[in-house]
């Protein structure tokens, strides 16, 4: 009888350890997904990606590419510095982000042709509309818990 009891306790212990190991592995994978999701590319990567997209959409010349990259890099660094400042409230952050975007727009106006500049604005407007739709879809899926303003601006930047 004692042997059966000992075997039963050991089997139960083994099952418990196995279940905990499986849960730990699943939690580890879930944490990796959330960490990967929250990791943000650095300013250089984001600026390069944006410039590549602009090169394709706006047909930038070889002369324009480095100028547009410099503008995009400067703005990406400013956004990073803004994100790092913890003393700003949400409304102030959004106001500052809009100012940075306005600054980008003004600088691009001096580099792009009139046709390219118009295409740039049209493209930005399309991206904003896409983002609004994504936010609405996400809100309806999450029962009202939507995308934060900073997430929206991050997506508009890329």
C-alpha atoms as a PDB file:
ATOM      1  CA  UNK A   1       0.000   0.000   0.000  1.00  0.00           C
ATOM      2  CA  UNK A   2       2.826   2.399   0.872  1.00  0.00           C
ATOM      3  CA  UNK A   3       4.532   1.636  -2.437  1.00  0.00           C
ATOM      4  CA  UNK A   4       1.370   2.452  -4.388  1.00  0.00           C
ATOM      5  CA  UNK A   5       0.966   5.692  -2.468  1.00  0.00           C
ATOM      6  CA  UNK A   6       4.589   6.670  -3.083  1.00  0.00           C
ATOM      7  CA  UNK A   7       4.286   5.839  -6.802  1.00  0.00           C
ATOM      8  CA  UNK A   8       1.068   7.868  -7.035  1.00  0.00           C
ATOM      9  CA  UNK A   9       2.662  10.885  -5.303  1.00  0.00           C
ATOM     10  CA  UNK A  10       5.721  10.659  -7.564  1.00  0.00           C
ATOM     11  CA  UNK A  11       3.530  10.413 -10.687  1.00  0.00           C
ATOM     12  CA  UNK A  12       1.491  13.411  -9.537  1.00  0.00           C
ATOM     13  CA  UNK A  13       4.698  15.329  -8.848  1.00  0.00           C
ATOM     14  CA  UNK A  14       6.052  14.473 -12.299  1.00  0.00           C
ATOM     15  CA  UNK A  15       2.841  15.677 -13.944  1.00  0.00           C
ATOM     16  CA  UNK A  16       2.936  18.919 -11.970  1.00  0.00           C
ATOM     17  CA  UNK A  17       6.554  19.577 -12.949  1.00  0.00           C
ATOM     18  CA  UNK A  18       5.756  18.782 -16.581  1.00  0.00           C
ATOM     19  CA  UNK A  19       2.782  21.141 -16.600  1.00  0.00           C
ATOM     20  CA  UNK A  20       4.810  23.917 -14.992  1.00  0.00           C
ATOM     21  CA  UNK A  21       7.580  23.438 -17.550  1.00  0.00           C
ATOM     22  CA  UNK A  22       5.057  23.671 -20.404  1.00  0.00           C
ATOM     23  CA  UNK A  23       3.511  26.815 -18.881  1.00  0.00           C
ATOM     24  CA  UNK A  24       6.941  28.383 -18.422  1.00  0.00           C
ATOM     25  CA  UNK A  25       7.822  27.645 -22.054  1.00  0.00           C
ATOM     26  CA  UNK A  26       4.526  29.131 -23.254  1.00  0.00           C
ATOM     27  CA  UNK A  27       4.954  32.198 -21.052  1.00  0.00           C
ATOM     28  CA  UNK A  28       8.485  32.622 -22.336  1.00  0.00           C
ATOM     29  CA  UNK A  29       7.235  32.522 -25.938  1.00  0.00           C
ATOM     30  CA  UNK A  30       4.433  34.960 -25.157  1.00  0.00           C
ATOM     31  CA  UNK A  31       6.887  37.329 -23.485  1.00  0.00           C
ATOM     32  CA  UNK A  32       9.199  37.134 -26.496  1.00  0.00           C
ATOM     33  CA  UNK A  33       6.304  38.072 -28.771  1.00  0.00           C
ATOM     34  CA  UNK A  34       5.368  41.058 -26.665  1.00  0.00           C
ATOM     35  CA  UNK A  35       8.987  42.175 -26.354  1.00  0.00           C
ATOM     36  CA  UNK A  36       9.489  41.890 -30.115  1.00  0.00           C
ATOM     37  CA  UNK A  37       6.256  43.748 -30.714  1.00  0.00           C
ATOM     38  CA  UNK A  38       7.241  46.593 -28.417  1.00  0.00           C
ATOM     39  CA  UNK A  39      10.777  46.924 -29.737  1.00  0.00           C
ATOM     40  CA  UNK A  40      11.086  49.864 -32.035  1.00  0.00           C
ATOM     41  CA  UNK A  41      13.608  50.168 -34.859  1.00  0.00           C
ATOM     42  CA  UNK A  42      16.267  52.809 -34.293  1.00  0.00           C
ATOM     43  CA  UNK A  43      16.072  56.244 -35.902  1.00  0.00           C
ATOM     44  CA  UNK A  44      18.492  55.335 -38.701  1.00  0.00           C
ATOM     45  CA  UNK A  45      16.503  52.239 -39.679  1.00  0.00           C
ATOM     46  CA  UNK A  46      13.210  54.140 -39.648  1.00  0.00           C
ATOM     47  CA  UNK A  47      14.667  57.043 -41.655  1.00  0.00           C
ATOM     48  CA  UNK A  48      16.155  54.681 -44.234  1.00  0.00           C
ATOM     49  CA  UNK A  49      12.870  52.796 -44.582  1.00  0.00           C
ATOM     50  CA  UNK A  50      10.929  56.034 -44.993  1.00  0.00           C
ATOM     51  CA  UNK A  51      13.397  57.329 -47.571  1.00  0.00           C
ATOM     52  CA  UNK A  52      13.221  54.064 -49.517  1.00  0.00           C
ATOM     53  CA  UNK A  53       9.425  54.276 -49.568  1.00  0.00           C
ATOM     54  CA  UNK A  54       9.572  57.908 -50.664  1.00  0.00           C
ATOM     55  CA  UNK A  55      12.095  57.045 -53.379  1.00  0.00           C
ATOM     56  CA  UNK A  56       9.677  54.497 -54.830  1.00  0.00           C
ATOM     57  CA  UNK A  57       6.511  56.565 -54.419  1.00  0.00           C
ATOM     58  CA  UNK A  58       7.903  59.947 -55.422  1.00  0.00           C
ATOM     59  CA  UNK A  59      10.635  58.799 -57.810  1.00  0.00           C
ATOM     60  CA  UNK A  60      13.364  60.739 -56.016  1.00  0.00           C
ATOM     61  CA  UNK A  61      16.454  61.633 -57.986  1.00  0.00           C
ATOM     62  CA  UNK A  62      19.944  60.598 -56.905  1.00  0.00           C
ATOM     63  CA  UNK A  63      20.490  64.193 -55.795  1.00  0.00           C
ATOM     64  CA  UNK A  64      17.322  64.218 -53.669  1.00  0.00           C
ATOM     65  CA  UNK A  65      17.852  60.885 -51.884  1.00  0.00           C
ATOM     66  CA  UNK A  66      20.613  61.975 -49.465  1.00  0.00           C
ATOM     67  CA  UNK A  67      18.794  65.228 -48.707  1.00  0.00           C
ATOM     68  CA  UNK A  68      15.531  63.431 -47.952  1.00  0.00           C
ATOM     69  CA  UNK A  69      17.395  60.840 -45.867  1.00  0.00           C
ATOM     70  CA  UNK A  70      19.018  63.614 -43.819  1.00  0.00           C
ATOM     71  CA  UNK A  71      15.609  65.218 -43.212  1.00  0.00           C
ATOM     72  CA  UNK A  72      14.027  61.904 -42.245  1.00  0.00           C
ATOM     73  CA  UNK A  73      16.918  60.990 -39.945  1.00  0.00           C
ATOM     74  CA  UNK A  74      16.810  64.348 -38.197  1.00  0.00           C
ATOM     75  CA  UNK A  75      13.062  64.024 -37.598  1.00  0.00           C
ATOM     76  CA  UNK A  76      13.344  60.410 -36.423  1.00  0.00           C
ATOM     77  CA  UNK A  77      15.999  61.441 -33.894  1.00  0.00           C
ATOM     78  CA  UNK A  78      13.805  64.294 -32.689  1.00  0.00           C
ATOM     79  CA  UNK A  79      10.889  61.889 -32.242  1.00  0.00           C
ATOM     80  CA  UNK A  80      13.131  59.537 -30.257  1.00  0.00           C
ATOM     81  CA  UNK A  81      14.279  62.392 -28.041  1.00  0.00           C
ATOM     82  CA  UNK A  82      10.672  63.406 -27.534  1.00  0.00           C
ATOM     83  CA  UNK A  83       9.686  59.843 -26.594  1.00  0.00           C
ATOM     84  CA  UNK A  84      12.566  59.687 -24.124  1.00  0.00           C
ATOM     85  CA  UNK A  85      11.406  62.813 -22.309  1.00  0.00           C
ATOM     86  CA  UNK A  86       9.147  61.570 -19.561  1.00  0.00           C
ATOM     87  CA  UNK A  87       8.017  64.959 -18.313  1.00  0.00           C
ATOM     88  CA  UNK A  88       5.525  65.501 -21.135  1.00  0.00           C
ATOM     89  CA  UNK A  89       1.831  64.694 -21.013  1.00  0.00           C
ATOM     90  CA  UNK A  90       0.063  62.945 -23.878  1.00  0.00           C
ATOM     91  CA  UNK A  91      -1.429  66.096 -25.374  1.00  0.00           C
ATOM     92  CA  UNK A  92       1.913  67.911 -25.255  1.00  0.00           C
ATOM     93  CA  UNK A  93       3.638  64.919 -26.894  1.00  0.00           C
ATOM     94  CA  UNK A  94       1.116  64.931 -29.741  1.00  0.00           C
ATOM     95  CA  UNK A  95       1.527  68.683 -30.219  1.00  0.00           C
ATOM     96  CA  UNK A  96       5.308  68.298 -30.381  1.00  0.00           C
ATOM     97  CA  UNK A  97       5.026  65.342 -32.790  1.00  0.00           C
ATOM     98  CA  UNK A  98       2.849  67.432 -35.089  1.00  0.00           C
ATOM     99  CA  UNK A  99       5.408  70.254 -34.941  1.00  0.00           C
ATOM    100  CA  UNK A 100       8.148  67.827 -35.963  1.00  0.00           C
ATOM    101  CA  UNK A 101       6.015  66.605 -38.871  1.00  0.00           C
ATOM    102  CA  UNK A 102       5.340  70.204 -39.918  1.00  0.00           C
ATOM    103  CA  UNK A 103       9.077  70.880 -39.819  1.00  0.00           C
ATOM    104  CA  UNK A 104       9.673  67.808 -42.030  1.00  0.00           C
ATOM    105  CA  UNK A 105       7.019  69.016 -44.425  1.00  0.00           C
ATOM    106  CA  UNK A 106       8.585  72.484 -44.698  1.00  0.00           C
ATOM    107  CA  UNK A 107      12.046  71.040 -45.334  1.00  0.00           C
ATOM    108  CA  UNK A 108      10.747  68.565 -47.904  1.00  0.00           C
ATOM    109  CA  UNK A 109       9.045  71.389 -49.773  1.00  0.00           C
ATOM    110  CA  UNK A 110      12.523  72.815 -50.441  1.00  0.00           C
ATOM    111  CA  UNK A 111      13.843  69.499 -51.790  1.00  0.00           C
ATOM    112  CA  UNK A 112      10.929  68.002 -53.720  1.00  0.00           C
ATOM    113  CA  UNK A 113       9.484  69.196 -56.999  1.00  0.00           C
ATOM    114  CA  UNK A 114       5.930  70.567 -56.949  1.00  0.00           C
ATOM    115  CA  UNK A 115       4.585  67.307 -58.383  1.00  0.00           C
ATOM    116  CA  UNK A 116       6.516  65.216 -55.834  1.00  0.00           C
ATOM    117  CA  UNK A 117       5.349  67.456 -53.005  1.00  0.00           C
ATOM    118  CA  UNK A 118       1.707  67.031 -54.047  1.00  0.00           C
ATOM    119  CA  UNK A 119       2.190  63.247 -54.258  1.00  0.00           C
ATOM    120  CA  UNK A 120       3.804  63.365 -50.790  1.00  0.00           C
ATOM    121  CA  UNK A 121       0.745  65.069 -49.308  1.00  0.00           C
ATOM    122  CA  UNK A 122      -1.641  62.704 -51.049  1.00  0.00           C
ATOM    123  CA  UNK A 123       0.339  59.721 -49.764  1.00  0.00           C
ATOM    124  CA  UNK A 124       0.386  61.106 -46.212  1.00  0.00           C
ATOM    125  CA  UNK A 125      -3.373  61.637 -46.330  1.00  0.00           C
ATOM    126  CA  UNK A 126      -3.912  58.067 -47.563  1.00  0.00           C
ATOM    127  CA  UNK A 127      -1.752  56.713 -44.742  1.00  0.00           C
ATOM    128  CA  UNK A 128      -3.717  58.735 -42.188  1.00  0.00           C
ATOM    129  CA  UNK A 129      -6.991  57.345 -43.511  1.00  0.00           C
ATOM    130  CA  UNK A 130      -5.614  53.793 -43.412  1.00  0.00           C
ATOM    131  CA  UNK A 131      -4.505  54.345 -39.828  1.00  0.00           C
ATOM    132  CA  UNK A 132      -7.900  55.707 -38.810  1.00  0.00           C
ATOM    133  CA  UNK A 133      -9.557  52.638 -40.301  1.00  0.00           C
ATOM    134  CA  UNK A 134      -7.133  50.315 -38.494  1.00  0.00           C
ATOM    135  CA  UNK A 135      -7.809  52.132 -35.234  1.00  0.00           C
ATOM    136  CA  UNK A 136     -11.555  51.821 -35.693  1.00  0.00           C
ATOM    137  CA  UNK A 137     -11.240  48.121 -36.532  1.00  0.00           C
ATOM    138  CA  UNK A 138      -9.012  47.542 -33.532  1.00  0.00           C
ATOM    139  CA  UNK A 139     -11.369  49.474 -31.262  1.00  0.00           C
ATOM    140  CA  UNK A 140     -14.303  47.365 -32.341  1.00  0.00           C
ATOM    141  CA  UNK A 141     -12.315  44.147 -31.829  1.00  0.00           C
ATOM    142  CA  UNK A 142     -11.033  45.229 -28.409  1.00  0.00           C
ATOM    143  CA  UNK A 143     -14.374  46.524 -27.144  1.00  0.00           C
ATOM    144  CA  UNK A 144     -13.301  50.129 -27.141  1.00  0.00           C
ATOM    145  CA  UNK A 145      -9.624  49.670 -26.264  1.00  0.00           C
ATOM    146  CA  UNK A 146      -7.938  51.187 -29.297  1.00  0.00           C
ATOM    147  CA  UNK A 147      -4.517  52.247 -30.417  1.00  0.00           C
ATOM    148  CA  UNK A 148      -2.812  55.002 -28.450  1.00  0.00           C
ATOM    149  CA  UNK A 149      -2.005  58.324 -30.075  1.00  0.00           C
ATOM    150  CA  UNK A 150       1.719  57.595 -29.933  1.00  0.00           C
ATOM    151  CA  UNK A 151       1.166  54.270 -31.729  1.00  0.00           C
ATOM    152  CA  UNK A 152      -0.791  56.092 -34.411  1.00  0.00           C
ATOM    153  CA  UNK A 153       1.987  58.627 -34.887  1.00  0.00           C
ATOM    154  CA  UNK A 154       4.588  55.841 -35.003  1.00  0.00           C
ATOM    155  CA  UNK A 155       2.647  54.152 -37.776  1.00  0.00           C
ATOM    156  CA  UNK A 156       2.194  57.402 -39.680  1.00  0.00           C
ATOM    157  CA  UNK A 157       5.931  57.982 -39.460  1.00  0.00           C
ATOM    158  CA  UNK A 158       6.696  54.634 -41.119  1.00  0.00           C
END
